[in-house]
Structures are given as structure tokens and as C-alpha cells.
């Protein structure tokens, strides 16, 4: 029997999602909690990787069991057992071939920028003490929807078979003293969102023209794109699946 688990986590204390030999990760604490509570070795498959310090407002994983369980009881036990920075929201049975990673139809990320010094956002937003032109940022972001090959934003020496991604949303919104960049696509390359933001910021600071983004994308060269912004302000905020995965 296969189950999907919906959760959220603050990534500050973790070296990303995926298991690592010498560093604490979210996957490790989840597997340890499930294995302890269910009294059997549980291996989970996540909907994707998040890098060191990156947060998830919504995340899904799947795992298999031979016998049915009391979903509500396990949610309560997990939330009591897990650290304060990991929260379980939902648990439900799916079809045996449902896959948390491969069946996701879209993923949405947010990047948070604070425009003034705020001690309550120091661990969760990137501080920029300069004026950013939101109109220019949105004009540049619209260009992303016209392209599919994003090799220029991919981490070097990656083992992916294709650099093609279909971006369906990319926009900036100002909320009080915050700027939030939201981007949705069918898939993302490693480091892609942070590299996109790092490339867009000089345009918002009126240091580069909007048209410069086209040249960067067409170059397919990571060195032509901007430096990656810090991971502590990045959030995986939404994952969507087809209804057909449910039992």
C-alpha cells in the first residue's frame, strides 16, 4: 500500500532534503521518525530536492506499507515526535504506482526579499537596501515564459538529460516592505530559481536592460547569468498532482 505524506519545513537547520552521509537532512529525520513509530524500516521518496537552507511551505513524499494505518493517529504522533521545524499536514493513500516526484504536474517557488532591515526576517528573507523597479522585474520575468531551454540557469556538471522546462508563471509582487518573486513550472533544474533571481536583480536595479535576459538565455552559458542568491529566502510553496493518483 502506498501513502502520500504532505509536510512543511523550515530549512535553516538542514543540509537540504536528500540524504547525505555526513550532514543532517529533512529526509533523514522523516525516515527516522516513520521507522520508529511504525516499527519497521521506512524509506521515503520525495517530490524533489531542496538545497541547504531552502524551505518548503508544501512538500510531498511517498512510502510503502504492507498493512493499512490510522492516518490521523500517525499524523498526531509524527508531529509530536518530529523537531519543531518540520510539520506534517496530511497523510492519504494513493494508487500503488503513484510517484511523489514523477507524477507532480507543476511546482511553484517563492523568493522573499526584504527592502529594509528586519530582525524577524533575517533567516527567511534576503535583505536588499536599494530601490528595485518592480515594473522592470515583471517585464523581464515575462520573457521567461517565451523560452524552454534554461541551461544558463542550471548548476554546472549536472547529470540531467534535458534543460527544458515549461514556465507558466513568473512575477513579482510588492507587499509592504517585501518583494516576493513567484515562479511556476513543470520542472526545475538544480539551482535554477536562485540563478534566475540573481540574473533579474540587476535589471530591477536598473544596472542592465530587460533585453539582456534574452542574451543570457540564448547563450546557454551559466557564466553569463547572474550569481545565485542565498538559499535561506527560497521556498517551495506548492506542488500539484492529477486527481488520478488517489486511491
C-alpha atoms as a PDB file:
ATOM      1  CA  UNK A   1       0.000   0.000   0.000  1.00  0.00           C
ATOM      2  CA  UNK A   2       1.359   3.405  -0.934  1.00  0.00           C
ATOM      3  CA  UNK A   3       0.834   6.610   1.038  1.00  0.00           C
ATOM      4  CA  UNK A   4       1.490  10.268   0.291  1.00  0.00           C
ATOM      5  CA  UNK A   5       2.628  12.458   3.174  1.00  0.00           C
ATOM      6  CA  UNK A   6       2.186  16.256   2.971  1.00  0.00           C
ATOM      7  CA  UNK A   7       4.534  18.313   5.116  1.00  0.00           C
ATOM      8  CA  UNK A   8       6.324  21.636   5.514  1.00  0.00           C
ATOM      9  CA  UNK A   9       9.713  22.507   6.913  1.00  0.00           C
ATOM     10  CA  UNK A  10      11.982  25.378   7.797  1.00  0.00           C
ATOM     11  CA  UNK A  11      15.260  24.508   6.102  1.00  0.00           C
ATOM     12  CA  UNK A  12      17.555  26.585   8.304  1.00  0.00           C
ATOM     13  CA  UNK A  13      18.939  23.631  10.267  1.00  0.00           C
ATOM     14  CA  UNK A  14      19.157  21.175   7.364  1.00  0.00           C
ATOM     15  CA  UNK A  15      21.536  20.464   4.507  1.00  0.00           C
ATOM     16  CA  UNK A  16      18.634  20.179   2.100  1.00  0.00           C
ATOM     17  CA  UNK A  17      16.101  17.415   1.611  1.00  0.00           C
ATOM     18  CA  UNK A  18      18.130  14.491   0.283  1.00  0.00           C
ATOM     19  CA  UNK A  19      20.092  12.048   2.440  1.00  0.00           C
ATOM     20  CA  UNK A  20      23.776  12.872   2.877  1.00  0.00           C
ATOM     21  CA  UNK A  21      26.449  10.785   4.631  1.00  0.00           C
ATOM     22  CA  UNK A  22      27.794  13.446   6.996  1.00  0.00           C
ATOM     23  CA  UNK A  23      25.058  16.073   7.293  1.00  0.00           C
ATOM     24  CA  UNK A  24      21.548  16.246   8.743  1.00  0.00           C
ATOM     25  CA  UNK A  25      18.757  16.422   6.145  1.00  0.00           C
ATOM     26  CA  UNK A  26      14.961  16.548   6.212  1.00  0.00           C
ATOM     27  CA  UNK A  27      14.684  13.123   4.584  1.00  0.00           C
ATOM     28  CA  UNK A  28      16.784  11.629   7.362  1.00  0.00           C
ATOM     29  CA  UNK A  29      14.612  12.940  10.201  1.00  0.00           C
ATOM     30  CA  UNK A  30      11.406  11.896   8.406  1.00  0.00           C
ATOM     31  CA  UNK A  31      12.632   8.362   7.749  1.00  0.00           C
ATOM     32  CA  UNK A  32      13.857   8.022  11.320  1.00  0.00           C
ATOM     33  CA  UNK A  33      10.508   9.199  12.714  1.00  0.00           C
ATOM     34  CA  UNK A  34       8.427   6.921  10.480  1.00  0.00           C
ATOM     35  CA  UNK A  35      10.649   3.919  11.149  1.00  0.00           C
ATOM     36  CA  UNK A  36      10.477   4.458  14.904  1.00  0.00           C
ATOM     37  CA  UNK A  37       6.719   4.954  15.061  1.00  0.00           C
ATOM     38  CA  UNK A  38       5.826   2.173  12.604  1.00  0.00           C
ATOM     39  CA  UNK A  39       8.479  -0.192  13.975  1.00  0.00           C
ATOM     40  CA  UNK A  40       9.869  -1.104  10.572  1.00  0.00           C
ATOM     41  CA  UNK A  41      12.465   0.355   8.214  1.00  0.00           C
ATOM     42  CA  UNK A  42      10.747   3.018   6.116  1.00  0.00           C
ATOM     43  CA  UNK A  43      12.308   4.589   3.040  1.00  0.00           C
ATOM     44  CA  UNK A  44      10.630   7.640   1.519  1.00  0.00           C
ATOM     45  CA  UNK A  45      10.722   9.218  -1.939  1.00  0.00           C
ATOM     46  CA  UNK A  46      10.380  12.994  -2.051  1.00  0.00           C
ATOM     47  CA  UNK A  47       8.830  15.206  -4.695  1.00  0.00           C
ATOM     48  CA  UNK A  48      12.215  16.808  -5.369  1.00  0.00           C
ATOM     49  CA  UNK A  49      15.407  18.161  -3.877  1.00  0.00           C
ATOM     50  CA  UNK A  50      15.779  21.352  -1.933  1.00  0.00           C
ATOM     51  CA  UNK A  51      19.255  22.728  -1.261  1.00  0.00           C
ATOM     52  CA  UNK A  52      20.828  23.634   2.068  1.00  0.00           C
ATOM     53  CA  UNK A  53      18.758  26.215   3.950  1.00  0.00           C
ATOM     54  CA  UNK A  54      15.850  26.192   1.486  1.00  0.00           C
ATOM     55  CA  UNK A  55      12.353  25.951   2.976  1.00  0.00           C
ATOM     56  CA  UNK A  56       9.205  24.117   1.905  1.00  0.00           C
ATOM     57  CA  UNK A  57       5.737  25.502   2.617  1.00  0.00           C
ATOM     58  CA  UNK A  58       4.348  22.408   0.897  1.00  0.00           C
ATOM     59  CA  UNK A  59       6.186  19.167   0.220  1.00  0.00           C
ATOM     60  CA  UNK A  60       5.053  15.644  -0.648  1.00  0.00           C
ATOM     61  CA  UNK A  61       6.697  12.266  -0.282  1.00  0.00           C
ATOM     62  CA  UNK A  62       5.554   8.683  -0.694  1.00  0.00           C
ATOM     63  CA  UNK A  63       6.308   5.473   1.172  1.00  0.00           C
ATOM     64  CA  UNK A  64       5.003   1.908   1.134  1.00  0.00           C
ATOM     65  CA  UNK A  65       3.446  -0.287   3.824  1.00  0.00           C
ATOM     66  CA  UNK A  66       2.060  -3.807   3.773  1.00  0.00           C
ATOM     67  CA  UNK A  67      -0.911  -3.034   6.051  1.00  0.00           C
ATOM     68  CA  UNK A  68      -3.272  -0.046   6.330  1.00  0.00           C
ATOM     69  CA  UNK A  69      -2.721   2.516   9.094  1.00  0.00           C
ATOM     70  CA  UNK A  70      -4.759   5.050  11.044  1.00  0.00           C
ATOM     71  CA  UNK A  71      -3.817   8.222   9.143  1.00  0.00           C
ATOM     72  CA  UNK A  72      -4.958  10.760  11.743  1.00  0.00           C
ATOM     73  CA  UNK A  73      -3.236   8.920  14.565  1.00  0.00           C
ATOM     74  CA  UNK A  74       0.055   8.764  12.661  1.00  0.00           C
ATOM     75  CA  UNK A  75      -0.123  12.482  11.803  1.00  0.00           C
ATOM     76  CA  UNK A  76      -0.509  13.332  15.501  1.00  0.00           C
ATOM     77  CA  UNK A  77       2.321  11.018  16.524  1.00  0.00           C
ATOM     78  CA  UNK A  78       4.660  12.348  13.837  1.00  0.00           C
ATOM     79  CA  UNK A  79       4.034  15.950  14.829  1.00  0.00           C
ATOM     80  CA  UNK A  80       4.826  15.085  18.438  1.00  0.00           C
ATOM     81  CA  UNK A  81       7.937  13.135  17.523  1.00  0.00           C
ATOM     82  CA  UNK A  82       9.485  15.384  14.849  1.00  0.00           C
ATOM     83  CA  UNK A  83      11.548  18.540  15.552  1.00  0.00           C
ATOM     84  CA  UNK A  84       9.739  21.884  15.774  1.00  0.00           C
ATOM     85  CA  UNK A  85      10.861  22.906  12.266  1.00  0.00           C
ATOM     86  CA  UNK A  86       9.086  20.028  10.468  1.00  0.00           C
ATOM     87  CA  UNK A  87       5.276  19.808  10.385  1.00  0.00           C
ATOM     88  CA  UNK A  88       3.003  17.093   8.980  1.00  0.00           C
ATOM     89  CA  UNK A  89      -0.232  18.325   7.398  1.00  0.00           C
ATOM     90  CA  UNK A  90      -1.804  15.356   5.682  1.00  0.00           C
ATOM     91  CA  UNK A  91      -1.466  11.632   5.000  1.00  0.00           C
ATOM     92  CA  UNK A  92      -3.504   9.715   2.438  1.00  0.00           C
ATOM     93  CA  UNK A  93      -3.447   6.513   0.460  1.00  0.00           C
ATOM     94  CA  UNK A  94      -2.714   6.630  -3.285  1.00  0.00           C
ATOM     95  CA  UNK A  95      -2.521   4.131  -6.108  1.00  0.00           C
ATOM     96  CA  UNK A  96       0.401   1.729  -5.926  1.00  0.00           C
ATOM     97  CA  UNK A  97       2.161   3.317  -8.904  1.00  0.00           C
ATOM     98  CA  UNK A  98       1.720   6.939  -7.750  1.00  0.00           C
ATOM     99  CA  UNK A  99       5.083   8.700  -7.519  1.00  0.00           C
ATOM    100  CA  UNK A 100       5.722  11.851  -5.475  1.00  0.00           C
ATOM    101  CA  UNK A 101       8.337  13.130  -7.897  1.00  0.00           C
ATOM    102  CA  UNK A 102       7.377  11.875 -11.345  1.00  0.00           C
ATOM    103  CA  UNK A 103       3.619  12.470 -11.106  1.00  0.00           C
ATOM    104  CA  UNK A 104       3.894  16.108  -9.993  1.00  0.00           C
ATOM    105  CA  UNK A 105       2.483  18.260 -12.798  1.00  0.00           C
ATOM    106  CA  UNK A 106       3.764  21.619 -11.530  1.00  0.00           C
ATOM    107  CA  UNK A 107       5.886  23.143  -8.813  1.00  0.00           C
ATOM    108  CA  UNK A 108       5.815  26.706  -7.501  1.00  0.00           C
ATOM    109  CA  UNK A 109       8.640  28.516  -5.742  1.00  0.00           C
ATOM    110  CA  UNK A 110       8.735  31.864  -3.959  1.00  0.00           C
ATOM    111  CA  UNK A 111      11.765  34.033  -3.286  1.00  0.00           C
ATOM    112  CA  UNK A 112      11.421  36.601  -0.495  1.00  0.00           C
ATOM    113  CA  UNK A 113      13.291  39.898  -0.462  1.00  0.00           C
ATOM    114  CA  UNK A 114      13.049  42.382   2.388  1.00  0.00           C
ATOM    115  CA  UNK A 115      13.702  46.015   1.483  1.00  0.00           C
ATOM    116  CA  UNK A 116      14.713  47.088   4.980  1.00  0.00           C
ATOM    117  CA  UNK A 117      16.482  45.590   7.961  1.00  0.00           C
ATOM    118  CA  UNK A 118      14.076  43.323   9.812  1.00  0.00           C
ATOM    119  CA  UNK A 119      15.338  41.087  12.643  1.00  0.00           C
ATOM    120  CA  UNK A 120      12.341  38.781  12.241  1.00  0.00           C
ATOM    121  CA  UNK A 121      13.164  38.084   8.575  1.00  0.00           C
ATOM    122  CA  UNK A 122      16.938  37.736   8.810  1.00  0.00           C
ATOM    123  CA  UNK A 123      16.732  33.938   8.496  1.00  0.00           C
ATOM    124  CA  UNK A 124      13.894  33.795   5.996  1.00  0.00           C
ATOM    125  CA  UNK A 125      14.336  36.665   3.511  1.00  0.00           C
ATOM    126  CA  UNK A 126      17.168  38.241   1.520  1.00  0.00           C
ATOM    127  CA  UNK A 127      17.832  41.846   2.520  1.00  0.00           C
ATOM    128  CA  UNK A 128      18.464  44.425  -0.218  1.00  0.00           C
ATOM    129  CA  UNK A 129      18.876  48.048   0.838  1.00  0.00           C
ATOM    130  CA  UNK A 130      18.320  49.547  -2.605  1.00  0.00           C
ATOM    131  CA  UNK A 131      15.278  50.506  -4.662  1.00  0.00           C
ATOM    132  CA  UNK A 132      14.121  47.855  -7.129  1.00  0.00           C
ATOM    133  CA  UNK A 133      11.923  48.689 -10.124  1.00  0.00           C
ATOM    134  CA  UNK A 134       9.086  46.171  -9.931  1.00  0.00           C
ATOM    135  CA  UNK A 135       7.794  47.010 -13.423  1.00  0.00           C
ATOM    136  CA  UNK A 136      11.176  46.209 -14.959  1.00  0.00           C
ATOM    137  CA  UNK A 137      11.388  42.993 -12.953  1.00  0.00           C
ATOM    138  CA  UNK A 138       7.985  41.889 -14.248  1.00  0.00           C
ATOM    139  CA  UNK A 139       8.812  42.792 -17.844  1.00  0.00           C
ATOM    140  CA  UNK A 140      11.964  40.701 -17.654  1.00  0.00           C
ATOM    141  CA  UNK A 141      10.173  37.837 -15.899  1.00  0.00           C
ATOM    142  CA  UNK A 142       7.594  37.660 -18.709  1.00  0.00           C
ATOM    143  CA  UNK A 143      10.436  36.788 -21.092  1.00  0.00           C
ATOM    144  CA  UNK A 144      10.975  33.533 -19.201  1.00  0.00           C
ATOM    145  CA  UNK A 145       7.580  32.268 -20.407  1.00  0.00           C
ATOM    146  CA  UNK A 146       8.748  32.604 -24.028  1.00  0.00           C
ATOM    147  CA  UNK A 147      11.611  30.131 -23.627  1.00  0.00           C
ATOM    148  CA  UNK A 148      12.060  26.486 -22.630  1.00  0.00           C
ATOM    149  CA  UNK A 149      15.824  25.838 -22.623  1.00  0.00           C
ATOM    150  CA  UNK A 150      17.288  27.111 -19.345  1.00  0.00           C
ATOM    151  CA  UNK A 151      20.773  25.605 -19.363  1.00  0.00           C
ATOM    152  CA  UNK A 152      22.127  29.057 -18.467  1.00  0.00           C
ATOM    153  CA  UNK A 153      20.469  28.772 -15.048  1.00  0.00           C
ATOM    154  CA  UNK A 154      21.491  25.193 -14.310  1.00  0.00           C
ATOM    155  CA  UNK A 155      24.174  24.179 -11.848  1.00  0.00           C
ATOM    156  CA  UNK A 156      27.372  23.132 -13.650  1.00  0.00           C
ATOM    157  CA  UNK A 157      28.266  19.440 -14.030  1.00  0.00           C
ATOM    158  CA  UNK A 158      24.705  18.296 -13.510  1.00  0.00           C
ATOM    159  CA  UNK A 159      23.564  14.931 -14.880  1.00  0.00           C
ATOM    160  CA  UNK A 160      20.159  15.934 -16.301  1.00  0.00           C
ATOM    161  CA  UNK A 161      19.147  14.661 -19.731  1.00  0.00           C
ATOM    162  CA  UNK A 162      17.365  17.870 -20.748  1.00  0.00           C
ATOM    163  CA  UNK A 163      17.444  21.528 -19.749  1.00  0.00           C
ATOM    164  CA  UNK A 164      13.908  22.136 -20.998  1.00  0.00           C
ATOM    165  CA  UNK A 165      11.330  23.466 -18.531  1.00  0.00           C
ATOM    166  CA  UNK A 166       7.891  24.923 -19.226  1.00  0.00           C
ATOM    167  CA  UNK A 167       7.449  28.037 -17.070  1.00  0.00           C
ATOM    168  CA  UNK A 168       3.794  29.067 -16.746  1.00  0.00           C
ATOM    169  CA  UNK A 169       4.108  31.873 -14.178  1.00  0.00           C
ATOM    170  CA  UNK A 170       6.886  34.285 -13.231  1.00  0.00           C
ATOM    171  CA  UNK A 171       6.040  37.541 -11.484  1.00  0.00           C
ATOM    172  CA  UNK A 172       6.999  39.956  -8.709  1.00  0.00           C
ATOM    173  CA  UNK A 173       4.673  41.435  -6.119  1.00  0.00           C
ATOM    174  CA  UNK A 174       5.384  44.142  -3.558  1.00  0.00           C
ATOM    175  CA  UNK A 175       3.844  43.629  -0.127  1.00  0.00           C
ATOM    176  CA  UNK A 176       4.678  46.424   2.298  1.00  0.00           C
ATOM    177  CA  UNK A 177       8.481  46.244   2.621  1.00  0.00           C
ATOM    178  CA  UNK A 178       8.695  42.850   0.951  1.00  0.00           C
ATOM    179  CA  UNK A 179       9.228  41.818  -2.657  1.00  0.00           C
ATOM    180  CA  UNK A 180       8.112  38.285  -3.487  1.00  0.00           C
ATOM    181  CA  UNK A 181       9.036  36.525  -6.716  1.00  0.00           C
ATOM    182  CA  UNK A 182       6.714  33.634  -7.655  1.00  0.00           C
ATOM    183  CA  UNK A 183       7.549  31.148 -10.391  1.00  0.00           C
ATOM    184  CA  UNK A 184       5.711  28.009 -11.545  1.00  0.00           C
ATOM    185  CA  UNK A 185       6.943  25.339 -13.964  1.00  0.00           C
ATOM    186  CA  UNK A 186       6.504  21.677 -14.791  1.00  0.00           C
ATOM    187  CA  UNK A 187      10.049  21.060 -13.527  1.00  0.00           C
ATOM    188  CA  UNK A 188      13.090  22.985 -12.314  1.00  0.00           C
ATOM    189  CA  UNK A 189      16.802  22.451 -12.742  1.00  0.00           C
ATOM    190  CA  UNK A 190      19.038  22.431  -9.688  1.00  0.00           C
ATOM    191  CA  UNK A 191      19.814  25.980  -8.531  1.00  0.00           C
ATOM    192  CA  UNK A 192      17.548  27.343 -11.292  1.00  0.00           C
ATOM    193  CA  UNK A 193      15.318  29.674  -9.265  1.00  0.00           C
ATOM    194  CA  UNK A 194      18.190  31.209  -7.313  1.00  0.00           C
ATOM    195  CA  UNK A 195      20.119  31.795 -10.560  1.00  0.00           C
ATOM    196  CA  UNK A 196      17.058  33.379 -12.207  1.00  0.00           C
ATOM    197  CA  UNK A 197      16.576  35.765  -9.287  1.00  0.00           C
ATOM    198  CA  UNK A 198      20.272  36.628  -9.314  1.00  0.00           C
ATOM    199  CA  UNK A 199      20.012  37.446 -13.015  1.00  0.00           C
ATOM    200  CA  UNK A 200      16.837  39.513 -12.660  1.00  0.00           C
ATOM    201  CA  UNK A 201      18.013  41.672  -9.758  1.00  0.00           C
ATOM    202  CA  UNK A 202      20.498  43.795 -11.798  1.00  0.00           C
ATOM    203  CA  UNK A 203      17.594  44.547 -14.163  1.00  0.00           C
ATOM    204  CA  UNK A 204      15.442  45.652 -11.230  1.00  0.00           C
ATOM    205  CA  UNK A 205      18.334  47.801 -10.007  1.00  0.00           C
ATOM    206  CA  UNK A 206      18.496  49.392 -13.495  1.00  0.00           C
ATOM    207  CA  UNK A 207      22.044  48.150 -13.949  1.00  0.00           C
ATOM    208  CA  UNK A 208      21.120  46.043 -17.000  1.00  0.00           C
ATOM    209  CA  UNK A 209      18.455  46.264 -19.704  1.00  0.00           C
ATOM    210  CA  UNK A 210      15.436  43.981 -19.822  1.00  0.00           C
ATOM    211  CA  UNK A 211      16.671  42.678 -23.188  1.00  0.00           C
ATOM    212  CA  UNK A 212      19.862  41.398 -21.566  1.00  0.00           C
ATOM    213  CA  UNK A 213      17.895  38.437 -20.217  1.00  0.00           C
ATOM    214  CA  UNK A 214      17.275  37.149 -23.754  1.00  0.00           C
ATOM    215  CA  UNK A 215      21.007  37.144 -24.466  1.00  0.00           C
ATOM    216  CA  UNK A 216      21.678  35.233 -21.250  1.00  0.00           C
ATOM    217  CA  UNK A 217      19.067  32.561 -22.041  1.00  0.00           C
ATOM    218  CA  UNK A 218      20.202  32.143 -25.640  1.00  0.00           C
ATOM    219  CA  UNK A 219      23.843  31.826 -24.570  1.00  0.00           C
ATOM    220  CA  UNK A 220      23.091  28.573 -22.658  1.00  0.00           C
ATOM    221  CA  UNK A 221      26.102  29.562 -20.548  1.00  0.00           C
ATOM    222  CA  UNK A 222      25.872  29.618 -16.742  1.00  0.00           C
ATOM    223  CA  UNK A 223      28.685  32.157 -16.581  1.00  0.00           C
ATOM    224  CA  UNK A 224      26.558  34.656 -18.492  1.00  0.00           C
ATOM    225  CA  UNK A 225      23.796  34.540 -15.859  1.00  0.00           C
ATOM    226  CA  UNK A 226      23.897  36.298 -12.503  1.00  0.00           C
ATOM    227  CA  UNK A 227      25.247  34.890  -9.262  1.00  0.00           C
ATOM    228  CA  UNK A 228      22.866  32.696  -7.286  1.00  0.00           C
ATOM    229  CA  UNK A 229      21.072  34.470  -4.459  1.00  0.00           C
ATOM    230  CA  UNK A 230      21.171  32.926  -0.951  1.00  0.00           C
ATOM    231  CA  UNK A 231      19.066  29.831  -0.299  1.00  0.00           C
ATOM    232  CA  UNK A 232      17.575  30.933   3.034  1.00  0.00           C
ATOM    233  CA  UNK A 233      14.991  33.130   1.244  1.00  0.00           C
ATOM    234  CA  UNK A 234      13.741  30.428  -1.161  1.00  0.00           C
ATOM    235  CA  UNK A 235      10.513  28.490  -0.571  1.00  0.00           C
ATOM    236  CA  UNK A 236       8.995  25.542  -2.360  1.00  0.00           C
ATOM    237  CA  UNK A 237       5.412  26.710  -1.941  1.00  0.00           C
ATOM    238  CA  UNK A 238       3.109  24.452  -3.968  1.00  0.00           C
ATOM    239  CA  UNK A 239       3.101  21.117  -5.797  1.00  0.00           C
ATOM    240  CA  UNK A 240       0.213  19.912  -7.914  1.00  0.00           C
ATOM    241  CA  UNK A 241      -0.793  16.356  -8.847  1.00  0.00           C
ATOM    242  CA  UNK A 242      -3.522  14.848 -11.032  1.00  0.00           C
ATOM    243  CA  UNK A 243      -6.564  13.554  -9.183  1.00  0.00           C
ATOM    244  CA  UNK A 244      -5.975  10.174 -10.808  1.00  0.00           C
ATOM    245  CA  UNK A 245      -3.188   9.280  -8.342  1.00  0.00           C
ATOM    246  CA  UNK A 246      -5.651   8.943  -5.469  1.00  0.00           C
ATOM    247  CA  UNK A 247      -6.939   5.560  -4.389  1.00  0.00           C
END
